[in-house]
Amino acid sequence: MKPLIEIHRIGTDAYGYRISALGGDGQDKSGSGAFDSLEHCLFDAGASLGTYFSRVELNLEGMFLGSCSTDTLRRNPKGVAQRIRQHFQPA
């Protein structure tokens, strides 16, 4: 099973996310506060999954981005955010 991290923009420079599994209820992390950058949002999402899952699927504002290792989210969230901005241009 691969969890899905659904990232959504809350404000100009604020992001939140929700983690869900196929057929399950999601764990909404946006209610506990917004993250001031996409990088912080990605890092927190990866850290919250710990080492329980090796890979996750990413979704940004309803657009499927692909799969990513949770280790990469924790160790290089800036690089992941750069790739997202380069290839997907979040609105």
PDB file of N, CA and C in Angstrom:
ATOM      1  N   MET A   1       0.840  -1.180   0.000  1.00  0.00           N
ATOM      2  CA  MET A   1       0.000   0.000   0.000  1.00  0.00           C
ATOM      3  C   MET A   1       0.886   1.244   0.000  1.00  0.00           C
ATOM      4  N   LYS A   2       0.572   2.185  -0.873  1.00  0.00           N
ATOM      5  CA  LYS A   2       1.267   3.463  -0.927  1.00  0.00           C
ATOM      6  C   LYS A   2       0.314   4.552  -0.463  1.00  0.00           C
ATOM      7  N   PRO A   3       0.691   5.318   0.537  1.00  0.00           N
ATOM      8  CA  PRO A   3      -0.155   6.441   0.934  1.00  0.00           C
ATOM      9  C   PRO A   3      -0.138   7.530  -0.141  1.00  0.00           C
ATOM     10  N   LEU A   4      -1.164   8.351  -0.118  1.00  0.00           N
ATOM     11  CA  LEU A   4      -1.270   9.494  -1.017  1.00  0.00           C
ATOM     12  C   LEU A   4      -1.172  10.758  -0.178  1.00  0.00           C
ATOM     13  N   ILE A   5      -0.244  11.637  -0.538  1.00  0.00           N
ATOM     14  CA  ILE A   5      -0.133  12.946   0.107  1.00  0.00           C
ATOM     15  C   ILE A   5      -0.767  13.957  -0.835  1.00  0.00           C
ATOM     16  N   GLU A   6      -1.859  14.545  -0.387  1.00  0.00           N
ATOM     17  CA  GLU A   6      -2.569  15.557  -1.167  1.00  0.00           C
ATOM     18  C   GLU A   6      -2.177  16.925  -0.620  1.00  0.00           C
ATOM     19  N   ILE A   7      -1.425  17.673  -1.411  1.00  0.00           N
ATOM     20  CA  ILE A   7      -0.945  18.991  -1.003  1.00  0.00           C
ATOM     21  C   ILE A   7      -1.884  20.042  -1.584  1.00  0.00           C
ATOM     22  N   HIS A   8      -2.235  21.020  -0.754  1.00  0.00           N
ATOM     23  CA  HIS A   8      -3.076  22.100  -1.251  1.00  0.00           C
ATOM     24  C   HIS A   8      -2.562  23.436  -0.722  1.00  0.00           C
ATOM     25  N   ARG A   9      -2.758  24.443  -1.536  1.00  0.00           N
ATOM     26  CA  ARG A   9      -2.337  25.795  -1.173  1.00  0.00           C
ATOM     27  C   ARG A   9      -3.429  26.406  -0.305  1.00  0.00           C
ATOM     28  N   ILE A  10      -3.006  26.981   0.806  1.00  0.00           N
ATOM     29  CA  ILE A  10      -3.944  27.620   1.726  1.00  0.00           C
ATOM     30  C   ILE A  10      -3.932  29.131   1.534  1.00  0.00           C
ATOM     31  N   GLY A  11      -2.790  29.670   1.188  1.00  0.00           N
ATOM     32  CA  GLY A  11      -2.630  31.105   0.981  1.00  0.00           C
ATOM     33  C   GLY A  11      -1.493  31.344   0.008  1.00  0.00           C
ATOM     34  N   THR A  12      -1.046  32.586  -0.085  1.00  0.00           N
ATOM     35  CA  THR A  12       0.009  32.937  -1.022  1.00  0.00           C
ATOM     36  C   THR A  12       1.253  32.076  -0.829  1.00  0.00           C
ATOM     37  N   ASP A  13       1.742  32.000   0.385  1.00  0.00           N
ATOM     38  CA  ASP A  13       2.911  31.173   0.684  1.00  0.00           C
ATOM     39  C   ASP A  13       2.597  30.198   1.804  1.00  0.00           C
ATOM     40  N   ALA A  14       1.460  29.566   1.734  1.00  0.00           N
ATOM     41  CA  ALA A  14       1.062  28.627   2.789  1.00  0.00           C
ATOM     42  C   ALA A  14       0.481  27.367   2.165  1.00  0.00           C
ATOM     43  N   TYR A  15       0.895  26.234   2.713  1.00  0.00           N
ATOM     44  CA  TYR A  15       0.467  24.940   2.201  1.00  0.00           C
ATOM     45  C   TYR A  15       0.007  24.051   3.346  1.00  0.00           C
ATOM     46  N   GLY A  16      -0.862  23.134   3.018  1.00  0.00           N
ATOM     47  CA  GLY A  16      -1.288  22.102   3.949  1.00  0.00           C
ATOM     48  C   GLY A  16      -1.318  20.789   3.196  1.00  0.00           C
ATOM     49  N   TYR A  17      -1.500  19.715   3.924  1.00  0.00           N
ATOM     50  CA  TYR A  17      -1.578  18.425   3.252  1.00  0.00           C
ATOM     51  C   TYR A  17      -2.493  17.483   3.996  1.00  0.00           C
ATOM     52  N   ARG A  18      -2.872  16.442   3.282  1.00  0.00           N
ATOM     53  CA  ARG A  18      -3.720  15.383   3.817  1.00  0.00           C
ATOM     54  C   ARG A  18      -3.104  14.068   3.361  1.00  0.00           C
ATOM     55  N   ILE A  19      -2.997  13.132   4.266  1.00  0.00           N
ATOM     56  CA  ILE A  19      -2.476  11.812   3.923  1.00  0.00           C
ATOM     57  C   ILE A  19      -3.636  10.834   3.939  1.00  0.00           C
ATOM     58  N   SER A  20      -3.770  10.081   2.869  1.00  0.00           N
ATOM     59  CA  SER A  20      -4.843   9.091   2.818  1.00  0.00           C
ATOM     60  C   SER A  20      -4.328   7.807   2.186  1.00  0.00           C
ATOM     61  N   ALA A  21      -5.089   6.763   2.381  1.00  0.00           N
ATOM     62  CA  ALA A  21      -4.801   5.468   1.770  1.00  0.00           C
ATOM     63  C   ALA A  21      -6.032   5.063   0.982  1.00  0.00           C
ATOM     64  N   LEU A  22      -5.833   4.271  -0.025  1.00  0.00           N
ATOM     65  CA  LEU A  22      -6.935   3.831  -0.863  1.00  0.00           C
ATOM     66  C   LEU A  22      -8.028   3.209  -0.008  1.00  0.00           C
ATOM     67  N   GLY A  23      -9.218   3.777  -0.083  1.00  0.00           N
ATOM     68  CA  GLY A  23     -10.355   3.240   0.653  1.00  0.00           C
ATOM     69  C   GLY A  23     -10.404   3.616   2.114  1.00  0.00           C
ATOM     70  N   GLY A  24      -9.504   4.486   2.559  1.00  0.00           N
ATOM     71  CA  GLY A  24      -9.499   4.847   3.972  1.00  0.00           C
ATOM     72  C   GLY A  24      -9.753   6.321   4.180  1.00  0.00           C
ATOM     73  N   ASP A  25     -10.017   6.685   5.424  1.00  0.00           N
ATOM     74  CA  ASP A  25     -10.168   8.088   5.772  1.00  0.00           C
ATOM     75  C   ASP A  25      -8.790   8.723   5.838  1.00  0.00           C
ATOM     76  N   GLY A  26      -8.711   9.982   5.485  1.00  0.00           N
ATOM     77  CA  GLY A  26      -7.435  10.672   5.497  1.00  0.00           C
ATOM     78  C   GLY A  26      -7.127  11.302   6.833  1.00  0.00           C
ATOM     79  N   GLN A  27      -5.870  11.573   7.027  1.00  0.00           N
ATOM     80  CA  GLN A  27      -5.401  12.293   8.198  1.00  0.00           C
ATOM     81  C   GLN A  27      -5.097  13.698   7.709  1.00  0.00           C
ATOM     82  N   ASP A  28      -5.902  14.684   8.095  1.00  0.00           N
ATOM     83  CA  ASP A  28      -5.757  16.042   7.585  1.00  0.00           C
ATOM     84  C   ASP A  28      -4.785  16.821   8.457  1.00  0.00           C
ATOM     85  N   LYS A  29      -3.659  17.241   7.868  1.00  0.00           N
ATOM     86  CA  LYS A  29      -2.659  17.985   8.625  1.00  0.00           C
ATOM     87  C   LYS A  29      -2.794  19.485   8.408  1.00  0.00           C
ATOM     88  N   SER A  30      -3.726  19.917   7.569  1.00  0.00           N
ATOM     89  CA  SER A  30      -3.854  21.349   7.341  1.00  0.00           C
ATOM     90  C   SER A  30      -4.563  22.024   8.504  1.00  0.00           C
ATOM     91  N   GLY A  31      -5.381  21.296   9.245  1.00  0.00           N
ATOM     92  CA  GLY A  31      -6.115  21.869  10.358  1.00  0.00           C
ATOM     93  C   GLY A  31      -5.222  22.277  11.510  1.00  0.00           C
ATOM     94  N   SER A  32      -4.047  21.698  11.621  1.00  0.00           N
ATOM     95  CA  SER A  32      -3.150  22.019  12.726  1.00  0.00           C
ATOM     96  C   SER A  32      -2.289  23.236  12.406  1.00  0.00           C
ATOM     97  N   GLY A  33      -2.486  23.835  11.278  1.00  0.00           N
ATOM     98  CA  GLY A  33      -1.720  25.013  10.900  1.00  0.00           C
ATOM     99  C   GLY A  33      -1.177  24.887   9.496  1.00  0.00           C
ATOM    100  N   ALA A  34      -0.820  26.004   8.936  1.00  0.00           N
ATOM    101  CA  ALA A  34      -0.283  26.029   7.585  1.00  0.00           C
ATOM    102  C   ALA A  34       1.240  26.033   7.651  1.00  0.00           C
ATOM    103  N   PHE A  35       1.840  25.511   6.616  1.00  0.00           N
ATOM    104  CA  PHE A  35       3.293  25.522   6.491  1.00  0.00           C
ATOM    105  C   PHE A  35       3.665  26.698   5.605  1.00  0.00           C
ATOM    106  N   ASP A  36       4.729  27.414   5.972  1.00  0.00           N
ATOM    107  CA  ASP A  36       5.074  28.647   5.266  1.00  0.00           C
ATOM    108  C   ASP A  36       5.779  28.437   3.932  1.00  0.00           C
ATOM    109  N   SER A  37       6.023  27.193   3.568  1.00  0.00           N
ATOM    110  CA  SER A  37       6.623  26.921   2.260  1.00  0.00           C
ATOM    111  C   SER A  37       6.273  25.501   1.833  1.00  0.00           C
ATOM    112  N   LEU A  38       6.391  25.271   0.554  1.00  0.00           N
ATOM    113  CA  LEU A  38       6.162  23.931   0.023  1.00  0.00           C
ATOM    114  C   LEU A  38       7.187  22.958   0.605  1.00  0.00           C
ATOM    115  N   GLU A  39       8.421  23.426   0.780  1.00  0.00           N
ATOM    116  CA  GLU A  39       9.477  22.584   1.344  1.00  0.00           C
ATOM    117  C   GLU A  39       9.120  22.092   2.746  1.00  0.00           C
ATOM    118  N   HIS A  40       8.654  22.999   3.605  1.00  0.00           N
ATOM    119  CA  HIS A  40       8.282  22.611   4.974  1.00  0.00           C
ATOM    120  C   HIS A  40       7.112  21.636   4.972  1.00  0.00           C
ATOM    121  N   CYS A  41       6.174  21.862   4.079  1.00  0.00           N
ATOM    122  CA  CYS A  41       5.016  20.975   3.957  1.00  0.00           C
ATOM    123  C   CYS A  41       5.467  19.569   3.556  1.00  0.00           C
ATOM    124  N   LEU A  42       6.334  19.482   2.559  1.00  0.00           N
ATOM    125  CA  LEU A  42       6.832  18.186   2.098  1.00  0.00           C
ATOM    126  C   LEU A  42       7.633  17.474   3.184  1.00  0.00           C
ATOM    127  N   PHE A  43       8.492  18.227   3.888  1.00  0.00           N
ATOM    128  CA  PHE A  43       9.291  17.624   4.956  1.00  0.00           C
ATOM    129  C   PHE A  43       8.389  17.059   6.053  1.00  0.00           C
ATOM    130  N   ASP A  44       7.407  17.837   6.481  1.00  0.00           N
ATOM    131  CA  ASP A  44       6.523  17.386   7.554  1.00  0.00           C
ATOM    132  C   ASP A  44       5.736  16.151   7.131  1.00  0.00           C
ATOM    133  N   ALA A  45       5.282  16.141   5.890  1.00  0.00           N
ATOM    134  CA  ALA A  45       4.543  14.974   5.393  1.00  0.00           C
ATOM    135  C   ALA A  45       5.431  13.733   5.421  1.00  0.00           C
ATOM    136  N   GLY A  46       6.663  13.862   4.950  1.00  0.00           N
ATOM    137  CA  GLY A  46       7.594  12.733   4.969  1.00  0.00           C
ATOM    138  C   GLY A  46       7.927  12.292   6.382  1.00  0.00           C
ATOM    139  N   ALA A  47       8.144  13.258   7.267  1.00  0.00           N
ATOM    140  CA  ALA A  47       8.478  12.941   8.658  1.00  0.00           C
ATOM    141  C   ALA A  47       7.312  12.272   9.370  1.00  0.00           C
ATOM    142  N   SER A  48       6.089  12.683   9.054  1.00  0.00           N
ATOM    143  CA  SER A  48       4.928  12.101   9.736  1.00  0.00           C
ATOM    144  C   SER A  48       4.724  10.634   9.359  1.00  0.00           C
ATOM    145  N   LEU A  49       5.217  10.244   8.187  1.00  0.00           N
ATOM    146  CA  LEU A  49       5.106   8.844   7.774  1.00  0.00           C
ATOM    147  C   LEU A  49       6.252   7.995   8.313  1.00  0.00           C
ATOM    148  N   GLY A  50       7.299   8.655   8.785  1.00  0.00           N
ATOM    149  CA  GLY A  50       8.430   7.935   9.357  1.00  0.00           C
ATOM    150  C   GLY A  50       9.008   6.933   8.380  1.00  0.00           C
ATOM    151  N   THR A  51       9.382   5.785   8.899  1.00  0.00           N
ATOM    152  CA  THR A  51       9.958   4.737   8.057  1.00  0.00           C
ATOM    153  C   THR A  51       8.947   3.634   7.779  1.00  0.00           C
ATOM    154  N   TYR A  52       7.685   3.905   8.084  1.00  0.00           N
ATOM    155  CA  TYR A  52       6.640   2.901   7.876  1.00  0.00           C
ATOM    156  C   TYR A  52       6.364   2.634   6.400  1.00  0.00           C
ATOM    157  N   PHE A  53       6.579   3.647   5.560  1.00  0.00           N
ATOM    158  CA  PHE A  53       6.320   3.519   4.127  1.00  0.00           C
ATOM    159  C   PHE A  53       7.561   3.967   3.369  1.00  0.00           C
ATOM    160  N   SER A  54       7.967   3.204   2.381  1.00  0.00           N
ATOM    161  CA  SER A  54       9.158   3.580   1.616  1.00  0.00           C
ATOM    162  C   SER A  54       8.840   4.602   0.531  1.00  0.00           C
ATOM    163  N   ARG A  55       7.615   4.575  -0.013  1.00  0.00           N
ATOM    164  CA  ARG A  55       7.235   5.490  -1.087  1.00  0.00           C
ATOM    165  C   ARG A  55       5.827   6.019  -0.858  1.00  0.00           C
ATOM    166  N   VAL A  56       5.576   7.192  -1.408  1.00  0.00           N
ATOM    167  CA  VAL A  56       4.252   7.803  -1.359  1.00  0.00           C
ATOM    168  C   VAL A  56       3.918   8.342  -2.745  1.00  0.00           C
ATOM    169  N   GLU A  57       2.647   8.541  -2.977  1.00  0.00           N
ATOM    170  CA  GLU A  57       2.210   9.221  -4.190  1.00  0.00           C
ATOM    171  C   GLU A  57       1.892  10.658  -3.812  1.00  0.00           C
ATOM    172  N   LEU A  58       2.191  11.586  -4.713  1.00  0.00           N
ATOM    173  CA  LEU A  58       1.978  13.008  -4.453  1.00  0.00           C
ATOM    174  C   LEU A  58       0.923  13.573  -5.385  1.00  0.00           C
ATOM    175  N   ASN A  59       0.112  14.439  -4.837  1.00  0.00           N
ATOM    176  CA  ASN A  59      -0.948  15.106  -5.563  1.00  0.00           C
ATOM    177  C   ASN A  59      -0.890  16.572  -5.147  1.00  0.00           C
ATOM    178  N   LEU A  60      -0.880  17.500  -6.099  1.00  0.00           N
ATOM    179  CA  LEU A  60      -0.852  18.931  -5.803  1.00  0.00           C
ATOM    180  C   LEU A  60      -2.061  19.596  -6.431  1.00  0.00           C
ATOM    181  N   GLU A  61      -2.910  20.150  -5.594  1.00  0.00           N
ATOM    182  CA  GLU A  61      -4.111  20.847  -6.069  1.00  0.00           C
ATOM    183  C   GLU A  61      -4.917  19.990  -7.047  1.00  0.00           C
ATOM    184  N   GLY A  62      -5.043  18.712  -6.745  1.00  0.00           N
ATOM    185  CA  GLY A  62      -5.837  17.816  -7.577  1.00  0.00           C
ATOM    186  C   GLY A  62      -5.097  17.202  -8.754  1.00  0.00           C
ATOM    187  N   MET A  63      -3.832  17.577  -8.963  1.00  0.00           N
ATOM    188  CA  MET A  63      -3.060  17.039 -10.079  1.00  0.00           C
ATOM    189  C   MET A  63      -2.080  15.986  -9.556  1.00  0.00           C
ATOM    190  N   PHE A  64      -2.138  14.789 -10.131  1.00  0.00           N
ATOM    191  CA  PHE A  64      -1.235  13.723  -9.728  1.00  0.00           C
ATOM    192  C   PHE A  64       0.171  14.039 -10.216  1.00  0.00           C
ATOM    193  N   LEU A  65       1.151  14.018  -9.293  1.00  0.00           N
ATOM    194  CA  LEU A  65       2.532  14.346  -9.635  1.00  0.00           C
ATOM    195  C   LEU A  65       3.411  13.130  -9.849  1.00  0.00           C
ATOM    196  N   GLY A  66       3.093  12.037  -9.174  1.00  0.00           N
ATOM    197  CA  GLY A  66       3.913  10.841  -9.279  1.00  0.00           C
ATOM    198  C   GLY A  66       4.231  10.287  -7.912  1.00  0.00           C
ATOM    199  N   SER A  67       5.257   9.453  -7.879  1.00  0.00           N
ATOM    200  CA  SER A  67       5.653   8.756  -6.662  1.00  0.00           C
ATOM    201  C   SER A  67       7.006   9.284  -6.196  1.00  0.00           C
ATOM    202  N   CYS A  68       7.229   9.261  -4.897  1.00  0.00           N
ATOM    203  CA  CYS A  68       8.473   9.768  -4.324  1.00  0.00           C
ATOM    204  C   CYS A  68       8.810   8.946  -3.086  1.00  0.00           C
ATOM    205  N   SER A  69      10.082   8.779  -2.799  1.00  0.00           N
ATOM    206  CA  SER A  69      10.449   8.055  -1.578  1.00  0.00           C
ATOM    207  C   SER A  69      10.253   8.975  -0.374  1.00  0.00           C
ATOM    208  N   THR A  70       9.811   8.399   0.725  1.00  0.00           N
ATOM    209  CA  THR A  70       9.635   9.193   1.945  1.00  0.00           C
ATOM    210  C   THR A  70      10.990   9.684   2.450  1.00  0.00           C
ATOM    211  N   ASP A  71      12.031   8.915   2.207  1.00  0.00           N
ATOM    212  CA  ASP A  71      13.375   9.328   2.601  1.00  0.00           C
ATOM    213  C   ASP A  71      13.770  10.622   1.886  1.00  0.00           C
ATOM    214  N   THR A  72      13.439  10.737   0.615  1.00  0.00           N
ATOM    215  CA  THR A  72      13.745  11.950  -0.148  1.00  0.00           C
ATOM    216  C   THR A  72      12.960  13.137   0.390  1.00  0.00           C
ATOM    217  N   LEU A  73      11.706  12.925   0.770  1.00  0.00           N
ATOM    218  CA  LEU A  73      10.913  14.017   1.342  1.00  0.00           C
ATOM    219  C   LEU A  73      11.553  14.531   2.629  1.00  0.00           C
ATOM    220  N   ARG A  74      12.099  13.635   3.417  1.00  0.00           N
ATOM    221  CA  ARG A  74      12.729  14.036   4.682  1.00  0.00           C
ATOM    222  C   ARG A  74      14.114  14.647   4.471  1.00  0.00           C
ATOM    223  N   ARG A  75      14.900  14.088   3.560  1.00  0.00           N
ATOM    224  CA  ARG A  75      16.291  14.525   3.390  1.00  0.00           C
ATOM    225  C   ARG A  75      16.478  15.667   2.395  1.00  0.00           C
ATOM    226  N   ASN A  76      15.587  15.763   1.414  1.00  0.00           N
ATOM    227  CA  ASN A  76      15.762  16.783   0.379  1.00  0.00           C
ATOM    228  C   ASN A  76      14.423  17.395  -0.046  1.00  0.00           C
ATOM    229  N   PRO A  77      13.668  17.960   0.894  1.00  0.00           N
ATOM    230  CA  PRO A  77      12.384  18.547   0.514  1.00  0.00           C
ATOM    231  C   PRO A  77      12.544  19.736  -0.429  1.00  0.00           C
ATOM    232  N   LYS A  78      13.665  20.448  -0.314  1.00  0.00           N
ATOM    233  CA  LYS A  78      13.904  21.587  -1.201  1.00  0.00           C
ATOM    234  C   LYS A  78      14.036  21.125  -2.651  1.00  0.00           C
ATOM    235  N   GLY A  79      14.754  20.030  -2.871  1.00  0.00           N
ATOM    236  CA  GLY A  79      14.909  19.489  -4.219  1.00  0.00           C
ATOM    237  C   GLY A  79      13.592  19.012  -4.804  1.00  0.00           C
ATOM    238  N   VAL A  80      12.772  18.363  -3.982  1.00  0.00           N
ATOM    239  CA  VAL A  80      11.457  17.896  -4.447  1.00  0.00           C
ATOM    240  C   VAL A  80      10.590  19.100  -4.805  1.00  0.00           C
ATOM    241  N   ALA A  81      10.602  20.126  -3.954  1.00  0.00           N
ATOM    242  CA  ALA A  81       9.810  21.332  -4.219  1.00  0.00           C
ATOM    243  C   ALA A  81      10.270  22.018  -5.506  1.00  0.00           C
ATOM    244  N   GLN A  82      11.586  22.067  -5.733  1.00  0.00           N
ATOM    245  CA  GLN A  82      12.110  22.670  -6.966  1.00  0.00           C
ATOM    246  C   GLN A  82      11.613  21.922  -8.196  1.00  0.00           C
ATOM    247  N   ARG A  83      11.646  20.595  -8.136  1.00  0.00           N
ATOM    248  CA  ARG A  83      11.165  19.799  -9.284  1.00  0.00           C
ATOM    249  C   ARG A  83       9.682  20.034  -9.518  1.00  0.00           C
ATOM    250  N   ILE A  84       8.917  20.115  -8.455  1.00  0.00           N
ATOM    251  CA  ILE A  84       7.480  20.373  -8.598  1.00  0.00           C
ATOM    252  C   ILE A  84       7.274  21.724  -9.265  1.00  0.00           C
ATOM    253  N   ARG A  85       7.982  22.741  -8.801  1.00  0.00           N
ATOM    254  CA  ARG A  85       7.826  24.082  -9.390  1.00  0.00           C
ATOM    255  C   ARG A  85       8.281  24.113 -10.849  1.00  0.00           C
ATOM    256  N   GLN A  86       9.362  23.416 -11.159  1.00  0.00           N
ATOM    257  CA  GLN A  86       9.881  23.381 -12.532  1.00  0.00           C
ATOM    258  C   GLN A  86       8.900  22.735 -13.496  1.00  0.00           C
ATOM    259  N   HIS A  87       8.355  21.611 -13.091  1.00  0.00           N
ATOM    260  CA  HIS A  87       7.569  20.806 -14.018  1.00  0.00           C
ATOM    261  C   HIS A  87       6.066  21.015 -13.927  1.00  0.00           C
ATOM    262  N   PHE A  88       5.592  21.529 -12.813  1.00  0.00           N
ATOM    263  CA  PHE A  88       4.142  21.584 -12.638  1.00  0.00           C
ATOM    264  C   PHE A  88       3.603  22.975 -12.370  1.00  0.00           C
ATOM    265  N   GLN A  89       4.461  23.946 -12.118  1.00  0.00           N
ATOM    266  CA  GLN A  89       4.042  25.330 -11.941  1.00  0.00           C
ATOM    267  C   GLN A  89       2.770  25.462 -11.106  1.00  0.00           C
ATOM    268  N   PRO A  90       2.832  25.254  -9.767  1.00  0.00           N
ATOM    269  CA  PRO A  90       1.620  25.388  -8.961  1.00  0.00           C
ATOM    270  C   PRO A  90       1.016  26.776  -9.090  1.00  0.00           C
ATOM    271  N   ALA A  91      -0.287  26.826  -9.194  1.00  0.00           N
ATOM    272  CA  ALA A  91      -0.993  28.101  -9.383  1.00  0.00           C
ATOM    273  C   ALA A  91      -1.079  28.895  -8.106  1.00  0.00           C
TER     274      ALA A  91
END
